[in-house]
Amino acid sequence: MNSPAPDFPFAFQLTVLPEHIDDQQHVNNVVYVQFMQEVANRHWQKFVTPELDNTVVWVVRKHEVEYLAPAYLNEVLEIRTWTGEHTAVTWNRHYEIIRPSDQKIICKAQSVWVLLDKASGKPRRIEEAILRVFLK
């Protein structure tokens, strides 16, 4: 499912909070998808120009998520992402969620994102300026 992580994927850390926990006392599966959304947004915002950010938006076409181990309240997690293959209007994004204390991979995932024109809401071709955002 996942392509190997690059040497320096984009990442941030967070601490598992009570609102992340489900009835089974571990992080709820839906919350991992929220973490994926958060890291994708942070990655985009770190490198995009304001002009480009005002004209395009990314939406998810598909998520594939593989849950490998539970995470619990107050654990620190590292949420990692990197981009993979792209087409004219889609881009694959990969994720790993790890527990740094033991380097355990909690979750692996891949999403297909579609680039849309903000004004029309229609798919938009991935141009050179957008390629430069992710192909650094």
N, C-alpha and C. Protein backbone atom coordinates (compact mmCIF):
# COMPACT_ATOMS: atom_id res chain seq x y z
N MET A 1 0.82 -1.19 0.00
CA MET A 1 0.00 0.00 0.00
C MET A 1 0.86 1.25 0.00
N ASN A 2 1.85 1.32 0.84
CA ASN A 2 2.66 2.53 0.97
C ASN A 2 3.95 2.41 0.20
N SER A 3 4.38 3.50 -0.39
CA SER A 3 5.72 3.53 -0.92
C SER A 3 6.65 3.87 0.24
N PRO A 4 7.91 3.47 0.18
CA PRO A 4 8.81 3.73 1.30
C PRO A 4 8.89 5.23 1.59
N ALA A 5 8.96 5.55 2.88
CA ALA A 5 9.07 6.96 3.27
C ALA A 5 10.40 7.51 2.81
N PRO A 6 10.40 8.75 2.36
CA PRO A 6 11.68 9.37 2.02
C PRO A 6 12.48 9.59 3.29
N ASP A 7 13.73 9.98 3.13
CA ASP A 7 14.58 10.21 4.30
C ASP A 7 14.01 11.29 5.22
N PHE A 8 13.33 12.28 4.64
CA PHE A 8 12.81 13.38 5.43
C PHE A 8 11.36 13.68 5.05
N PRO A 9 10.43 12.82 5.47
CA PRO A 9 9.02 13.12 5.19
C PRO A 9 8.59 14.32 6.01
N PHE A 10 7.53 14.99 5.58
CA PHE A 10 6.97 16.07 6.38
C PHE A 10 6.28 15.44 7.58
N ALA A 11 6.45 16.00 8.76
CA ALA A 11 5.89 15.36 9.96
C ALA A 11 5.61 16.39 11.05
N PHE A 12 4.73 16.01 11.95
CA PHE A 12 4.53 16.74 13.19
C PHE A 12 4.14 15.73 14.27
N GLN A 13 4.30 16.14 15.52
CA GLN A 13 3.95 15.27 16.63
C GLN A 13 2.75 15.84 17.38
N LEU A 14 2.00 14.93 17.99
CA LEU A 14 0.88 15.34 18.84
C LEU A 14 0.75 14.35 19.98
N THR A 15 0.06 14.78 21.00
CA THR A 15 -0.24 13.92 22.14
C THR A 15 -1.69 13.50 22.04
N VAL A 16 -1.95 12.21 22.24
CA VAL A 16 -3.31 11.68 22.18
C VAL A 16 -4.12 12.28 23.34
N LEU A 17 -5.24 12.89 22.98
CA LEU A 17 -6.11 13.57 23.93
C LEU A 17 -7.38 12.76 24.19
N PRO A 18 -8.11 13.08 25.25
CA PRO A 18 -9.35 12.33 25.55
C PRO A 18 -10.33 12.30 24.38
N GLU A 19 -10.43 13.36 23.61
CA GLU A 19 -11.37 13.38 22.49
C GLU A 19 -10.97 12.45 21.34
N HIS A 20 -9.76 11.94 21.35
CA HIS A 20 -9.30 10.99 20.34
C HIS A 20 -9.67 9.54 20.68
N ILE A 21 -10.08 9.31 21.91
CA ILE A 21 -10.27 7.96 22.44
C ILE A 21 -11.71 7.48 22.21
N ASP A 22 -11.85 6.19 21.88
CA ASP A 22 -13.18 5.61 21.68
C ASP A 22 -13.57 4.71 22.86
N ASP A 23 -14.66 4.00 22.72
CA ASP A 23 -15.16 3.14 23.80
C ASP A 23 -14.22 1.99 24.15
N GLN A 24 -13.30 1.68 23.24
CA GLN A 24 -12.34 0.61 23.50
C GLN A 24 -11.06 1.14 24.15
N GLN A 25 -11.08 2.43 24.48
CA GLN A 25 -9.98 3.10 25.20
C GLN A 25 -8.70 3.24 24.37
N HIS A 26 -8.85 3.29 23.03
CA HIS A 26 -7.71 3.62 22.18
C HIS A 26 -8.16 4.64 21.14
N VAL A 27 -7.22 5.14 20.37
CA VAL A 27 -7.55 6.14 19.35
C VAL A 27 -8.53 5.54 18.35
N ASN A 28 -9.61 6.26 18.11
CA ASN A 28 -10.64 5.82 17.18
C ASN A 28 -10.11 5.84 15.74
N ASN A 29 -10.52 4.87 14.93
CA ASN A 29 -10.06 4.78 13.54
C ASN A 29 -10.33 6.06 12.75
N VAL A 30 -11.46 6.69 12.98
CA VAL A 30 -11.79 7.92 12.25
C VAL A 30 -10.81 9.04 12.60
N VAL A 31 -10.32 9.04 13.81
CA VAL A 31 -9.37 10.06 14.24
C VAL A 31 -8.07 9.97 13.45
N TYR A 32 -7.64 8.76 13.10
CA TYR A 32 -6.43 8.64 12.29
C TYR A 32 -6.61 9.34 10.94
N VAL A 33 -7.79 9.25 10.37
CA VAL A 33 -8.07 9.94 9.10
C VAL A 33 -8.01 11.46 9.32
N GLN A 34 -8.49 11.91 10.46
CA GLN A 34 -8.37 13.34 10.78
C GLN A 34 -6.90 13.75 10.91
N PHE A 35 -6.09 12.91 11.52
CA PHE A 35 -4.66 13.19 11.61
C PHE A 35 -4.04 13.27 10.21
N MET A 36 -4.47 12.39 9.32
CA MET A 36 -3.96 12.40 7.94
C MET A 36 -4.34 13.72 7.25
N GLN A 37 -5.56 14.15 7.43
CA GLN A 37 -6.01 15.42 6.86
C GLN A 37 -5.16 16.58 7.40
N GLU A 38 -4.92 16.56 8.69
CA GLU A 38 -4.13 17.61 9.33
C GLU A 38 -2.71 17.69 8.78
N VAL A 39 -2.04 16.55 8.66
CA VAL A 39 -0.66 16.58 8.18
C VAL A 39 -0.61 16.96 6.70
N ALA A 40 -1.59 16.53 5.91
CA ALA A 40 -1.63 16.94 4.50
C ALA A 40 -1.81 18.45 4.38
N ASN A 41 -2.72 19.00 5.18
CA ASN A 41 -2.93 20.46 5.16
C ASN A 41 -1.69 21.22 5.60
N ARG A 42 -1.06 20.76 6.66
CA ARG A 42 0.17 21.43 7.14
C ARG A 42 1.27 21.37 6.09
N HIS A 43 1.41 20.22 5.45
CA HIS A 43 2.42 20.06 4.41
C HIS A 43 2.19 21.06 3.27
N TRP A 44 0.96 21.12 2.78
CA TRP A 44 0.60 22.04 1.70
C TRP A 44 0.86 23.49 2.13
N GLN A 45 0.39 23.87 3.31
CA GLN A 45 0.52 25.25 3.77
C GLN A 45 1.97 25.66 3.98
N LYS A 46 2.83 24.73 4.30
CA LYS A 46 4.24 25.05 4.53
C LYS A 46 4.93 25.52 3.24
N PHE A 47 4.51 25.00 2.09
CA PHE A 47 5.23 25.26 0.85
C PHE A 47 4.47 26.04 -0.21
N VAL A 48 3.15 26.14 -0.10
CA VAL A 48 2.36 26.79 -1.15
C VAL A 48 2.47 28.31 -1.06
N THR A 49 2.39 28.97 -2.21
CA THR A 49 2.33 30.43 -2.22
C THR A 49 0.90 30.86 -1.93
N PRO A 50 0.71 32.04 -1.35
CA PRO A 50 -0.65 32.52 -1.09
C PRO A 50 -1.48 32.63 -2.38
N GLU A 51 -0.86 33.04 -3.47
CA GLU A 51 -1.59 33.17 -4.73
C GLU A 51 -2.13 31.82 -5.20
N LEU A 52 -1.31 30.81 -5.12
CA LEU A 52 -1.74 29.47 -5.53
C LEU A 52 -2.80 28.93 -4.56
N ASP A 53 -2.59 29.15 -3.28
CA ASP A 53 -3.54 28.66 -2.28
C ASP A 53 -4.92 29.30 -2.46
N ASN A 54 -4.97 30.50 -3.00
CA ASN A 54 -6.24 31.18 -3.22
C ASN A 54 -6.98 30.69 -4.46
N THR A 55 -6.31 29.91 -5.32
CA THR A 55 -6.94 29.51 -6.58
C THR A 55 -7.26 28.03 -6.69
N VAL A 56 -6.64 27.20 -5.84
CA VAL A 56 -6.88 25.75 -5.92
C VAL A 56 -7.17 25.17 -4.56
N VAL A 57 -7.77 23.99 -4.57
CA VAL A 57 -8.04 23.25 -3.35
C VAL A 57 -7.92 21.76 -3.67
N TRP A 58 -7.47 20.99 -2.69
CA TRP A 58 -7.35 19.54 -2.82
C TRP A 58 -8.52 18.86 -2.12
N VAL A 59 -9.08 17.83 -2.76
CA VAL A 59 -10.12 17.01 -2.13
C VAL A 59 -9.71 15.54 -2.27
N VAL A 60 -10.16 14.74 -1.33
CA VAL A 60 -9.81 13.32 -1.33
C VAL A 60 -10.78 12.54 -2.21
N ARG A 61 -10.22 11.70 -3.07
CA ARG A 61 -11.02 10.76 -3.84
C ARG A 61 -11.11 9.42 -3.13
N LYS A 62 -9.98 9.01 -2.50
CA LYS A 62 -9.95 7.67 -1.89
C LYS A 62 -8.92 7.62 -0.78
N HIS A 63 -9.25 6.91 0.29
CA HIS A 63 -8.31 6.58 1.36
C HIS A 63 -8.18 5.07 1.45
N GLU A 64 -6.97 4.59 1.65
CA GLU A 64 -6.71 3.19 2.02
C GLU A 64 -5.93 3.25 3.33
N VAL A 65 -6.48 2.67 4.38
CA VAL A 65 -5.86 2.76 5.69
C VAL A 65 -5.64 1.36 6.25
N GLU A 66 -4.45 1.14 6.76
CA GLU A 66 -4.11 -0.13 7.39
C GLU A 66 -3.75 0.15 8.85
N TYR A 67 -4.59 -0.32 9.76
CA TYR A 67 -4.39 -0.13 11.19
C TYR A 67 -3.55 -1.28 11.72
N LEU A 68 -2.41 -0.96 12.31
CA LEU A 68 -1.46 -1.99 12.70
C LEU A 68 -1.34 -2.20 14.21
N ALA A 69 -1.60 -1.16 14.99
CA ALA A 69 -1.48 -1.26 16.45
C ALA A 69 -2.29 -0.13 17.07
N PRO A 70 -2.77 -0.32 18.28
CA PRO A 70 -3.53 0.75 18.93
C PRO A 70 -2.61 1.82 19.52
N ALA A 71 -3.18 2.99 19.70
CA ALA A 71 -2.51 4.07 20.42
C ALA A 71 -3.46 4.51 21.53
N TYR A 72 -2.88 4.96 22.65
CA TYR A 72 -3.66 5.21 23.85
C TYR A 72 -3.48 6.65 24.35
N LEU A 73 -4.35 7.01 25.27
CA LEU A 73 -4.36 8.34 25.87
C LEU A 73 -2.97 8.74 26.36
N ASN A 74 -2.61 9.98 26.06
CA ASN A 74 -1.36 10.62 26.47
C ASN A 74 -0.11 10.13 25.74
N GLU A 75 -0.25 9.19 24.81
CA GLU A 75 0.92 8.79 24.02
C GLU A 75 1.23 9.88 23.00
N VAL A 76 2.49 10.04 22.71
CA VAL A 76 2.92 10.96 21.66
C VAL A 76 2.98 10.17 20.36
N LEU A 77 2.39 10.75 19.31
CA LEU A 77 2.43 10.14 17.98
C LEU A 77 3.08 11.10 17.01
N GLU A 78 3.78 10.53 16.04
CA GLU A 78 4.33 11.33 14.95
C GLU A 78 3.54 11.00 13.70
N ILE A 79 3.00 12.03 13.07
CA ILE A 79 2.20 11.88 11.86
C ILE A 79 3.08 12.30 10.69
N ARG A 80 3.35 11.38 9.77
CA ARG A 80 4.26 11.64 8.64
C ARG A 80 3.50 11.57 7.32
N THR A 81 3.96 12.36 6.35
CA THR A 81 3.38 12.29 5.01
C THR A 81 4.44 12.59 3.97
N TRP A 82 4.20 12.08 2.78
CA TRP A 82 5.01 12.40 1.61
C TRP A 82 4.17 12.13 0.39
N THR A 83 4.52 12.77 -0.71
CA THR A 83 3.77 12.59 -1.95
C THR A 83 4.42 11.52 -2.80
N GLY A 84 3.59 10.89 -3.63
CA GLY A 84 4.05 9.84 -4.52
C GLY A 84 3.76 10.19 -5.96
N GLU A 85 3.21 9.23 -6.68
CA GLU A 85 2.92 9.42 -8.10
C GLU A 85 1.77 10.41 -8.29
N HIS A 86 1.80 11.07 -9.45
CA HIS A 86 0.70 11.98 -9.78
C HIS A 86 0.31 11.80 -11.23
N THR A 87 -0.92 12.23 -11.53
CA THR A 87 -1.42 12.26 -12.90
C THR A 87 -1.67 13.72 -13.25
N ALA A 88 -2.44 13.94 -14.28
CA ALA A 88 -2.74 15.32 -14.68
C ALA A 88 -3.53 16.08 -13.61
N VAL A 89 -4.39 15.38 -12.85
CA VAL A 89 -5.23 16.07 -11.86
C VAL A 89 -5.24 15.39 -10.48
N THR A 90 -4.53 14.28 -10.30
CA THR A 90 -4.51 13.60 -9.00
C THR A 90 -3.09 13.45 -8.50
N TRP A 91 -3.00 13.28 -7.18
CA TRP A 91 -1.69 13.05 -6.57
C TRP A 91 -1.87 12.08 -5.42
N ASN A 92 -1.02 11.05 -5.39
CA ASN A 92 -1.03 10.10 -4.28
C ASN A 92 -0.25 10.69 -3.12
N ARG A 93 -0.81 10.52 -1.95
CA ARG A 93 -0.15 10.97 -0.72
C ARG A 93 -0.08 9.77 0.21
N HIS A 94 1.07 9.58 0.84
CA HIS A 94 1.32 8.47 1.74
C HIS A 94 1.47 8.98 3.16
N TYR A 95 1.17 8.08 4.11
CA TYR A 95 1.20 8.45 5.52
C TYR A 95 1.74 7.29 6.35
N GLU A 96 2.38 7.65 7.45
CA GLU A 96 2.69 6.71 8.53
C GLU A 96 2.41 7.45 9.83
N ILE A 97 1.81 6.75 10.74
CA ILE A 97 1.65 7.26 12.09
C ILE A 97 2.45 6.33 12.98
N ILE A 98 3.43 6.89 13.66
CA ILE A 98 4.31 6.07 14.50
C ILE A 98 4.29 6.57 15.94
N ARG A 99 4.65 5.68 16.84
CA ARG A 99 4.84 6.04 18.25
C ARG A 99 6.36 6.16 18.45
N PRO A 100 6.87 7.38 18.58
CA PRO A 100 8.33 7.57 18.68
C PRO A 100 8.98 6.84 19.86
N SER A 101 8.25 6.62 20.94
CA SER A 101 8.87 6.00 22.12
C SER A 101 9.41 4.61 21.83
N ASP A 102 8.76 3.89 20.90
CA ASP A 102 9.26 2.55 20.55
C ASP A 102 9.36 2.34 19.04
N GLN A 103 9.14 3.42 18.27
CA GLN A 103 9.19 3.39 16.80
C GLN A 103 8.17 2.43 16.19
N LYS A 104 7.12 2.11 16.93
CA LYS A 104 6.06 1.23 16.45
C LYS A 104 5.22 1.96 15.42
N ILE A 105 5.00 1.32 14.27
CA ILE A 105 4.10 1.88 13.27
C ILE A 105 2.67 1.55 13.69
N ILE A 106 1.91 2.58 13.91
CA ILE A 106 0.52 2.44 14.37
C ILE A 106 -0.42 2.29 13.18
N CYS A 107 -0.12 3.02 12.12
CA CYS A 107 -1.03 3.09 10.98
C CYS A 107 -0.22 3.46 9.74
N LYS A 108 -0.59 2.85 8.60
CA LYS A 108 -0.06 3.22 7.29
C LYS A 108 -1.26 3.53 6.41
N ALA A 109 -1.09 4.49 5.52
CA ALA A 109 -2.22 4.84 4.66
C ALA A 109 -1.75 5.48 3.37
N GLN A 110 -2.67 5.51 2.43
CA GLN A 110 -2.45 6.19 1.16
C GLN A 110 -3.77 6.83 0.76
N SER A 111 -3.68 8.03 0.21
CA SER A 111 -4.86 8.72 -0.30
C SER A 111 -4.61 9.17 -1.72
N VAL A 112 -5.68 9.27 -2.47
CA VAL A 112 -5.62 9.90 -3.79
C VAL A 112 -6.34 11.23 -3.65
N TRP A 113 -5.62 12.31 -3.92
CA TRP A 113 -6.16 13.66 -3.84
C TRP A 113 -6.38 14.19 -5.25
N VAL A 114 -7.44 14.95 -5.42
CA VAL A 114 -7.77 15.57 -6.71
C VAL A 114 -7.64 17.08 -6.54
N LEU A 115 -6.99 17.72 -7.50
CA LEU A 115 -6.84 19.17 -7.48
C LEU A 115 -8.06 19.80 -8.14
N LEU A 116 -8.68 20.76 -7.43
CA LEU A 116 -9.83 21.48 -7.98
C LEU A 116 -9.53 22.97 -8.09
N ASP A 117 -10.14 23.58 -9.07
CA ASP A 117 -10.13 25.03 -9.18
C ASP A 117 -11.13 25.57 -8.16
N LYS A 118 -10.71 26.50 -7.30
CA LYS A 118 -11.61 26.99 -6.26
C LYS A 118 -12.82 27.71 -6.83
N ALA A 119 -12.65 28.45 -7.91
CA ALA A 119 -13.75 29.24 -8.47
C ALA A 119 -14.82 28.35 -9.10
N SER A 120 -14.39 27.36 -9.87
CA SER A 120 -15.36 26.54 -10.61
C SER A 120 -15.74 25.25 -9.89
N GLY A 121 -14.86 24.78 -8.98
CA GLY A 121 -15.09 23.51 -8.32
C GLY A 121 -14.79 22.31 -9.20
N LYS A 122 -14.20 22.55 -10.36
CA LYS A 122 -13.90 21.47 -11.31
C LYS A 122 -12.43 21.07 -11.20
N PRO A 123 -12.14 19.81 -11.60
CA PRO A 123 -10.74 19.38 -11.58
C PRO A 123 -9.86 20.32 -12.40
N ARG A 124 -8.65 20.50 -11.91
CA ARG A 124 -7.70 21.41 -12.57
C ARG A 124 -6.39 20.66 -12.79
N ARG A 125 -5.80 20.90 -13.93
CA ARG A 125 -4.52 20.27 -14.27
C ARG A 125 -3.44 20.70 -13.27
N ILE A 126 -2.62 19.74 -12.87
CA ILE A 126 -1.49 20.03 -11.99
C ILE A 126 -0.40 20.69 -12.83
N GLU A 127 -0.21 21.97 -12.58
CA GLU A 127 0.74 22.78 -13.35
C GLU A 127 2.11 22.78 -12.68
N GLU A 128 3.06 23.38 -13.37
CA GLU A 128 4.44 23.45 -12.89
C GLU A 128 4.54 24.07 -11.50
N ALA A 129 3.78 25.12 -11.23
CA ALA A 129 3.84 25.77 -9.91
C ALA A 129 3.43 24.81 -8.80
N ILE A 130 2.49 23.94 -9.07
CA ILE A 130 2.05 22.97 -8.07
C ILE A 130 3.07 21.84 -7.96
N LEU A 131 3.64 21.43 -9.06
CA LEU A 131 4.69 20.41 -9.02
C LEU A 131 5.85 20.89 -8.13
N ARG A 132 6.18 22.17 -8.22
CA ARG A 132 7.28 22.71 -7.42
C ARG A 132 6.99 22.65 -5.92
N VAL A 133 5.71 22.70 -5.54
CA VAL A 133 5.35 22.64 -4.12
C VAL A 133 5.79 21.30 -3.53
N PHE A 134 5.55 20.21 -4.24
CA PHE A 134 5.79 18.88 -3.70
C PHE A 134 7.06 18.20 -4.20
N LEU A 135 7.64 18.69 -5.25
CA LEU A 135 8.84 18.05 -5.80
C LEU A 135 10.06 18.88 -5.49
N LYS A 136 10.28 19.11 -4.23
CA LYS A 136 11.43 19.91 -3.78
C LYS A 136 12.67 19.06 -3.71
